[in-house]
């Protein structure tokens, strides 16, 4: 079991590292060209590697941190990539059973996160805030999925906006993992929940900005 854990830990570290590097490059450079798409493929595969391996690690040695990162990384990466192939949902295209399955899984997981968060707060554990925030974020994406899958398209380029939001969301999950793992080197006076939420606080304004910038209303 130790060998299996070590193997998946290495895969998790490699996947997360490659994801951080390629994700950072794509965040700061030109969007939509060949290099962006190539780096995007590396980002997707590395994030899936990091996400799947983190779930396995969390099963071998139960760990809230790895579980949360794994769930969000897989959901955001998969749906962010799938939206590139779901460009006609408002024009007779239908989501596949796989699309529904990944969204419903996030719906259930997000509900559990919120429930765990409330229980933690009742027990005076402020880490419950992290559970609630991530649960609400996940539920917001799920809500968007349900609207899009049913053809209730608001933005003409909904697929591009969804891709952008979720890829950045996956990057946030990776950055969160990196910061939390290295939090021991930061001031101990700062609560751990702050490090969990820091990437979200920093990058959420960029998601809002780029969503408004590229949004094309569906007339």
C-alpha atoms as a PDB file:
ATOM      1  CA  UNK A   1       0.000   0.000   0.000  1.00  0.00           C
ATOM      2  CA  UNK A   2       2.884   2.355   0.748  1.00  0.00           C
ATOM      3  CA  UNK A   3       4.261   1.840  -2.756  1.00  0.00           C
ATOM      4  CA  UNK A   4       0.869   2.527  -4.331  1.00  0.00           C
ATOM      5  CA  UNK A   5       0.509   5.676  -2.236  1.00  0.00           C
ATOM      6  CA  UNK A   6       4.004   6.839  -3.240  1.00  0.00           C
ATOM      7  CA  UNK A   7       3.298   6.272  -6.944  1.00  0.00           C
ATOM      8  CA  UNK A   8       0.066   8.259  -6.909  1.00  0.00           C
ATOM      9  CA  UNK A   9       1.676  10.965  -4.783  1.00  0.00           C
ATOM     10  CA  UNK A  10       4.359  11.412  -7.450  1.00  0.00           C
ATOM     11  CA  UNK A  11       1.676  11.525 -10.174  1.00  0.00           C
ATOM     12  CA  UNK A  12      -0.254  14.094  -8.137  1.00  0.00           C
ATOM     13  CA  UNK A  13       2.791  16.327  -7.673  1.00  0.00           C
ATOM     14  CA  UNK A  14       3.805  16.063 -11.341  1.00  0.00           C
ATOM     15  CA  UNK A  15       0.271  16.716 -12.569  1.00  0.00           C
ATOM     16  CA  UNK A  16      -0.195  19.679 -10.253  1.00  0.00           C
ATOM     17  CA  UNK A  17       3.183  21.171 -11.156  1.00  0.00           C
ATOM     18  CA  UNK A  18       2.646  20.918 -14.913  1.00  0.00           C
ATOM     19  CA  UNK A  19      -0.859  22.288 -14.472  1.00  0.00           C
ATOM     20  CA  UNK A  20       0.373  25.295 -12.532  1.00  0.00           C
ATOM     21  CA  UNK A  21       3.056  26.076 -15.109  1.00  0.00           C
ATOM     22  CA  UNK A  22       0.905  25.665 -18.225  1.00  0.00           C
ATOM     23  CA  UNK A  23      -2.075  27.326 -16.555  1.00  0.00           C
ATOM     24  CA  UNK A  24      -0.028  30.354 -15.520  1.00  0.00           C
ATOM     25  CA  UNK A  25       1.374  30.753 -19.034  1.00  0.00           C
ATOM     26  CA  UNK A  26      -2.095  30.576 -20.600  1.00  0.00           C
ATOM     27  CA  UNK A  27      -3.460  33.069 -18.088  1.00  0.00           C
ATOM     28  CA  UNK A  28      -0.964  35.772 -18.987  1.00  0.00           C
ATOM     29  CA  UNK A  29      -0.511  35.252 -22.738  1.00  0.00           C
ATOM     30  CA  UNK A  30      -2.728  35.625 -25.800  1.00  0.00           C
ATOM     31  CA  UNK A  31      -5.889  33.511 -25.835  1.00  0.00           C
ATOM     32  CA  UNK A  32      -7.157  31.258 -28.613  1.00  0.00           C
ATOM     33  CA  UNK A  33      -4.060  30.735 -30.768  1.00  0.00           C
ATOM     34  CA  UNK A  34      -2.267  27.427 -31.462  1.00  0.00           C
ATOM     35  CA  UNK A  35       0.092  27.753 -28.489  1.00  0.00           C
ATOM     36  CA  UNK A  36      -2.852  28.436 -26.193  1.00  0.00           C
ATOM     37  CA  UNK A  37      -4.621  25.291 -27.415  1.00  0.00           C
ATOM     38  CA  UNK A  38      -1.468  23.174 -27.130  1.00  0.00           C
ATOM     39  CA  UNK A  39      -0.737  24.369 -23.609  1.00  0.00           C
ATOM     40  CA  UNK A  40      -4.419  23.867 -22.841  1.00  0.00           C
ATOM     41  CA  UNK A  41      -4.173  20.181 -23.691  1.00  0.00           C
ATOM     42  CA  UNK A  42      -1.187  19.779 -21.374  1.00  0.00           C
ATOM     43  CA  UNK A  43      -3.142  21.652 -18.697  1.00  0.00           C
ATOM     44  CA  UNK A  44      -6.217  19.435 -19.053  1.00  0.00           C
ATOM     45  CA  UNK A  45      -4.330  16.137 -18.896  1.00  0.00           C
ATOM     46  CA  UNK A  46      -2.132  17.279 -16.028  1.00  0.00           C
ATOM     47  CA  UNK A  47      -5.141  18.535 -14.041  1.00  0.00           C
ATOM     48  CA  UNK A  48      -6.990  15.275 -14.569  1.00  0.00           C
ATOM     49  CA  UNK A  49      -3.888  13.390 -13.435  1.00  0.00           C
ATOM     50  CA  UNK A  50      -3.652  15.557 -10.323  1.00  0.00           C
ATOM     51  CA  UNK A  51      -7.378  15.319  -9.607  1.00  0.00           C
ATOM     52  CA  UNK A  52      -7.775  11.572 -10.030  1.00  0.00           C
ATOM     53  CA  UNK A  53      -4.603  10.810  -8.090  1.00  0.00           C
ATOM     54  CA  UNK A  54      -5.706  13.080  -5.242  1.00  0.00           C
ATOM     55  CA  UNK A  55      -8.972  11.163  -4.878  1.00  0.00           C
ATOM     56  CA  UNK A  56      -7.064   7.879  -4.740  1.00  0.00           C
ATOM     57  CA  UNK A  57      -4.666   9.311  -2.165  1.00  0.00           C
ATOM     58  CA  UNK A  58      -7.601  10.607  -0.112  1.00  0.00           C
ATOM     59  CA  UNK A  59      -9.139   7.133  -0.129  1.00  0.00           C
ATOM     60  CA  UNK A  60      -5.912   5.436   0.956  1.00  0.00           C
ATOM     61  CA  UNK A  61      -5.325   7.981   3.705  1.00  0.00           C
ATOM     62  CA  UNK A  62      -8.567   9.954   4.394  1.00  0.00           C
ATOM     63  CA  UNK A  63      -7.849  13.634   3.841  1.00  0.00           C
ATOM     64  CA  UNK A  64     -10.364  16.502   3.457  1.00  0.00           C
ATOM     65  CA  UNK A  65      -7.831  18.614   1.624  1.00  0.00           C
ATOM     66  CA  UNK A  66      -7.081  16.091  -1.126  1.00  0.00           C
ATOM     67  CA  UNK A  67     -10.726  15.154  -1.514  1.00  0.00           C
ATOM     68  CA  UNK A  68     -11.930  18.728  -2.047  1.00  0.00           C
ATOM     69  CA  UNK A  69      -9.125  19.517  -4.484  1.00  0.00           C
ATOM     70  CA  UNK A  70      -9.731  16.270  -6.373  1.00  0.00           C
ATOM     71  CA  UNK A  71     -13.469  16.735  -6.805  1.00  0.00           C
ATOM     72  CA  UNK A  72     -13.234  20.324  -7.984  1.00  0.00           C
ATOM     73  CA  UNK A  73     -10.241  19.730 -10.220  1.00  0.00           C
ATOM     74  CA  UNK A  74     -11.924  16.855 -12.060  1.00  0.00           C
ATOM     75  CA  UNK A  75     -15.334  18.539 -12.368  1.00  0.00           C
ATOM     76  CA  UNK A  76     -14.037  21.906 -13.542  1.00  0.00           C
ATOM     77  CA  UNK A  77     -11.483  20.428 -15.939  1.00  0.00           C
ATOM     78  CA  UNK A  78     -13.890  17.932 -17.494  1.00  0.00           C
ATOM     79  CA  UNK A  79     -16.822  20.331 -17.903  1.00  0.00           C
ATOM     80  CA  UNK A  80     -14.548  23.156 -19.038  1.00  0.00           C
ATOM     81  CA  UNK A  81     -13.224  20.933 -21.801  1.00  0.00           C
ATOM     82  CA  UNK A  82     -16.628  19.454 -22.664  1.00  0.00           C
ATOM     83  CA  UNK A  83     -18.121  22.887 -23.334  1.00  0.00           C
ATOM     84  CA  UNK A  84     -15.798  23.206 -26.331  1.00  0.00           C
ATOM     85  CA  UNK A  85     -17.852  20.374 -27.842  1.00  0.00           C
ATOM     86  CA  UNK A  86     -21.236  21.619 -26.640  1.00  0.00           C
ATOM     87  CA  UNK A  87     -21.520  24.749 -28.762  1.00  0.00           C
ATOM     88  CA  UNK A  88     -25.035  24.057 -30.073  1.00  0.00           C
ATOM     89  CA  UNK A  89     -27.029  23.361 -26.924  1.00  0.00           C
ATOM     90  CA  UNK A  90     -29.520  26.047 -27.875  1.00  0.00           C
ATOM     91  CA  UNK A  91     -29.923  24.516 -31.329  1.00  0.00           C
ATOM     92  CA  UNK A  92     -31.030  20.891 -30.899  1.00  0.00           C
ATOM     93  CA  UNK A  93     -27.754  19.600 -29.434  1.00  0.00           C
ATOM     94  CA  UNK A  94     -28.159  17.478 -26.318  1.00  0.00           C
ATOM     95  CA  UNK A  95     -25.669  16.801 -23.515  1.00  0.00           C
ATOM     96  CA  UNK A  96     -24.477  13.208 -23.240  1.00  0.00           C
ATOM     97  CA  UNK A  97     -25.256  10.968 -20.235  1.00  0.00           C
ATOM     98  CA  UNK A  98     -21.635  11.532 -19.200  1.00  0.00           C
ATOM     99  CA  UNK A  99     -22.221  15.317 -19.077  1.00  0.00           C
ATOM    100  CA  UNK A 100     -25.241  14.816 -16.841  1.00  0.00           C
ATOM    101  CA  UNK A 101     -23.378  12.313 -14.649  1.00  0.00           C
ATOM    102  CA  UNK A 102     -20.436  14.627 -13.923  1.00  0.00           C
ATOM    103  CA  UNK A 103     -22.803  17.533 -13.169  1.00  0.00           C
ATOM    104  CA  UNK A 104     -25.064  15.510 -10.878  1.00  0.00           C
ATOM    105  CA  UNK A 105     -21.990  14.183  -9.081  1.00  0.00           C
ATOM    106  CA  UNK A 106     -20.909  17.772  -8.425  1.00  0.00           C
ATOM    107  CA  UNK A 107     -24.457  18.611  -7.286  1.00  0.00           C
ATOM    108  CA  UNK A 108     -24.345  15.846  -4.679  1.00  0.00           C
ATOM    109  CA  UNK A 109     -20.781  16.662  -3.637  1.00  0.00           C
ATOM    110  CA  UNK A 110     -21.481  20.386  -3.401  1.00  0.00           C
ATOM    111  CA  UNK A 111     -24.498  19.709  -1.180  1.00  0.00           C
ATOM    112  CA  UNK A 112     -22.350  17.519   1.076  1.00  0.00           C
ATOM    113  CA  UNK A 113     -19.680  20.241   1.264  1.00  0.00           C
ATOM    114  CA  UNK A 114     -22.227  22.791   2.427  1.00  0.00           C
ATOM    115  CA  UNK A 115     -23.624  20.333   4.970  1.00  0.00           C
ATOM    116  CA  UNK A 116     -20.144  19.514   6.308  1.00  0.00           C
ATOM    117  CA  UNK A 117     -19.379  23.218   6.459  1.00  0.00           C
ATOM    118  CA  UNK A 118     -22.427  23.935   8.582  1.00  0.00           C
ATOM    119  CA  UNK A 119     -21.566  21.062  10.933  1.00  0.00           C
ATOM    120  CA  UNK A 120     -18.005  22.366  11.307  1.00  0.00           C
ATOM    121  CA  UNK A 121     -19.244  25.878  12.121  1.00  0.00           C
ATOM    122  CA  UNK A 122     -21.668  24.466  14.701  1.00  0.00           C
ATOM    123  CA  UNK A 123     -18.640  22.816  16.325  1.00  0.00           C
ATOM    124  CA  UNK A 124     -16.811  26.191  16.254  1.00  0.00           C
ATOM    125  CA  UNK A 125     -14.436  25.011  13.530  1.00  0.00           C
ATOM    126  CA  UNK A 126     -13.886  27.892  11.106  1.00  0.00           C
ATOM    127  CA  UNK A 127     -12.706  25.477   8.426  1.00  0.00           C
ATOM    128  CA  UNK A 128     -16.408  25.046   7.772  1.00  0.00           C
ATOM    129  CA  UNK A 129     -16.240  28.332   5.866  1.00  0.00           C
ATOM    130  CA  UNK A 130     -13.986  26.669   3.293  1.00  0.00           C
ATOM    131  CA  UNK A 131     -16.441  23.814   2.805  1.00  0.00           C
ATOM    132  CA  UNK A 132     -19.346  26.219   2.375  1.00  0.00           C
ATOM    133  CA  UNK A 133     -17.536  28.522  -0.054  1.00  0.00           C
ATOM    134  CA  UNK A 134     -16.362  25.659  -2.275  1.00  0.00           C
ATOM    135  CA  UNK A 135     -19.778  24.022  -2.034  1.00  0.00           C
ATOM    136  CA  UNK A 136     -21.544  27.199  -3.137  1.00  0.00           C
ATOM    137  CA  UNK A 137     -19.091  27.739  -5.985  1.00  0.00           C
ATOM    138  CA  UNK A 138     -19.677  24.197  -7.182  1.00  0.00           C
ATOM    139  CA  UNK A 139     -23.458  24.627  -6.973  1.00  0.00           C
ATOM    140  CA  UNK A 140     -23.223  27.831  -9.003  1.00  0.00           C
ATOM    141  CA  UNK A 141     -21.493  25.978 -11.819  1.00  0.00           C
ATOM    142  CA  UNK A 142     -24.028  23.154 -11.561  1.00  0.00           C
ATOM    143  CA  UNK A 143     -26.841  25.683 -11.902  1.00  0.00           C
ATOM    144  CA  UNK A 144     -25.241  26.986 -15.097  1.00  0.00           C
ATOM    145  CA  UNK A 145     -24.935  23.422 -16.409  1.00  0.00           C
ATOM    146  CA  UNK A 146     -28.626  22.723 -15.881  1.00  0.00           C
ATOM    147  CA  UNK A 147     -29.625  25.916 -17.707  1.00  0.00           C
ATOM    148  CA  UNK A 148     -27.296  25.264 -20.624  1.00  0.00           C
ATOM    149  CA  UNK A 149     -28.168  21.563 -20.915  1.00  0.00           C
ATOM    150  CA  UNK A 150     -31.857  22.450 -21.095  1.00  0.00           C
ATOM    151  CA  UNK A 151     -31.194  24.971 -23.861  1.00  0.00           C
ATOM    152  CA  UNK A 152     -31.858  28.059 -21.719  1.00  0.00           C
ATOM    153  CA  UNK A 153     -28.986  29.936 -23.310  1.00  0.00           C
ATOM    154  CA  UNK A 154     -28.452  33.505 -22.173  1.00  0.00           C
ATOM    155  CA  UNK A 155     -25.094  34.336 -23.774  1.00  0.00           C
ATOM    156  CA  UNK A 156     -24.531  33.442 -27.430  1.00  0.00           C
ATOM    157  CA  UNK A 157     -20.983  32.310 -26.667  1.00  0.00           C
ATOM    158  CA  UNK A 158     -21.945  30.508 -23.443  1.00  0.00           C
ATOM    159  CA  UNK A 159     -19.563  27.679 -24.321  1.00  0.00           C
ATOM    160  CA  UNK A 160     -16.565  30.039 -24.427  1.00  0.00           C
ATOM    161  CA  UNK A 161     -17.501  31.714 -21.151  1.00  0.00           C
ATOM    162  CA  UNK A 162     -18.055  28.348 -19.465  1.00  0.00           C
ATOM    163  CA  UNK A 163     -14.727  27.066 -20.782  1.00  0.00           C
ATOM    164  CA  UNK A 164     -12.905  30.172 -19.547  1.00  0.00           C
ATOM    165  CA  UNK A 165     -14.538  30.173 -16.113  1.00  0.00           C
ATOM    166  CA  UNK A 166     -13.938  26.494 -15.469  1.00  0.00           C
ATOM    167  CA  UNK A 167     -10.368  26.371 -16.698  1.00  0.00           C
ATOM    168  CA  UNK A 168      -9.521  29.261 -14.388  1.00  0.00           C
ATOM    169  CA  UNK A 169     -11.473  27.471 -11.666  1.00  0.00           C
ATOM    170  CA  UNK A 170      -9.344  24.353 -12.165  1.00  0.00           C
ATOM    171  CA  UNK A 171      -6.258  26.546 -12.009  1.00  0.00           C
ATOM    172  CA  UNK A 172      -7.541  27.992  -8.729  1.00  0.00           C
ATOM    173  CA  UNK A 173      -7.868  24.455  -7.348  1.00  0.00           C
ATOM    174  CA  UNK A 174      -4.267  23.721  -8.339  1.00  0.00           C
ATOM    175  CA  UNK A 175      -2.980  27.000  -6.888  1.00  0.00           C
ATOM    176  CA  UNK A 176      -4.948  26.358  -3.694  1.00  0.00           C
ATOM    177  CA  UNK A 177      -3.327  22.950  -3.323  1.00  0.00           C
ATOM    178  CA  UNK A 178       0.129  24.448  -3.803  1.00  0.00           C
ATOM    179  CA  UNK A 179      -0.426  27.214  -1.254  1.00  0.00           C
ATOM    180  CA  UNK A 180      -2.037  24.964   1.369  1.00  0.00           C
ATOM    181  CA  UNK A 181       0.741  22.364   1.107  1.00  0.00           C
ATOM    182  CA  UNK A 182       3.342  25.076   1.621  1.00  0.00           C
ATOM    183  CA  UNK A 183       1.385  26.997   4.267  1.00  0.00           C
ATOM    184  CA  UNK A 184       3.772  25.692   6.929  1.00  0.00           C
ATOM    185  CA  UNK A 185       6.359  28.130   5.601  1.00  0.00           C
ATOM    186  CA  UNK A 186       3.992  31.095   5.985  1.00  0.00           C
ATOM    187  CA  UNK A 187       3.181  33.055   9.170  1.00  0.00           C
ATOM    188  CA  UNK A 188       1.413  30.768  11.635  1.00  0.00           C
ATOM    189  CA  UNK A 189      -0.700  33.654  12.920  1.00  0.00           C
ATOM    190  CA  UNK A 190      -2.765  33.540   9.718  1.00  0.00           C
ATOM    191  CA  UNK A 191      -5.620  30.975   9.852  1.00  0.00           C
ATOM    192  CA  UNK A 192      -5.437  28.083   7.396  1.00  0.00           C
ATOM    193  CA  UNK A 193      -8.851  28.979   5.938  1.00  0.00           C
ATOM    194  CA  UNK A 194      -7.285  32.179   4.554  1.00  0.00           C
ATOM    195  CA  UNK A 195      -4.789  30.206   2.462  1.00  0.00           C
ATOM    196  CA  UNK A 196      -7.580  27.984   1.198  1.00  0.00           C
ATOM    197  CA  UNK A 197      -9.531  30.975  -0.071  1.00  0.00           C
ATOM    198  CA  UNK A 198      -6.637  33.206  -1.215  1.00  0.00           C
ATOM    199  CA  UNK A 199      -6.430  31.973  -4.864  1.00  0.00           C
ATOM    200  CA  UNK A 200     -10.210  32.340  -5.191  1.00  0.00           C
ATOM    201  CA  UNK A 201     -10.105  35.872  -3.797  1.00  0.00           C
ATOM    202  CA  UNK A 202      -7.297  36.857  -6.186  1.00  0.00           C
ATOM    203  CA  UNK A 203      -8.557  35.215  -9.380  1.00  0.00           C
ATOM    204  CA  UNK A 204     -12.336  35.614  -9.052  1.00  0.00           C
ATOM    205  CA  UNK A 205     -12.158  39.273 -10.224  1.00  0.00           C
ATOM    206  CA  UNK A 206     -10.338  38.089 -13.381  1.00  0.00           C
ATOM    207  CA  UNK A 207     -13.098  35.560 -14.082  1.00  0.00           C
ATOM    208  CA  UNK A 208     -15.700  38.314 -13.719  1.00  0.00           C
ATOM    209  CA  UNK A 209     -13.684  40.720 -15.897  1.00  0.00           C
ATOM    210  CA  UNK A 210     -13.036  38.267 -18.741  1.00  0.00           C
ATOM    211  CA  UNK A 211     -16.638  37.013 -18.627  1.00  0.00           C
ATOM    212  CA  UNK A 212     -17.906  40.565 -19.143  1.00  0.00           C
ATOM    213  CA  UNK A 213     -15.251  41.285 -21.781  1.00  0.00           C
ATOM    214  CA  UNK A 214     -15.981  38.293 -24.007  1.00  0.00           C
ATOM    215  CA  UNK A 215     -19.705  37.923 -23.345  1.00  0.00           C
ATOM    216  CA  UNK A 216     -21.975  38.184 -26.399  1.00  0.00           C
ATOM    217  CA  UNK A 217     -25.638  38.512 -25.540  1.00  0.00           C
ATOM    218  CA  UNK A 218     -28.039  36.038 -27.143  1.00  0.00           C
ATOM    219  CA  UNK A 219     -30.520  38.192 -29.066  1.00  0.00           C
END
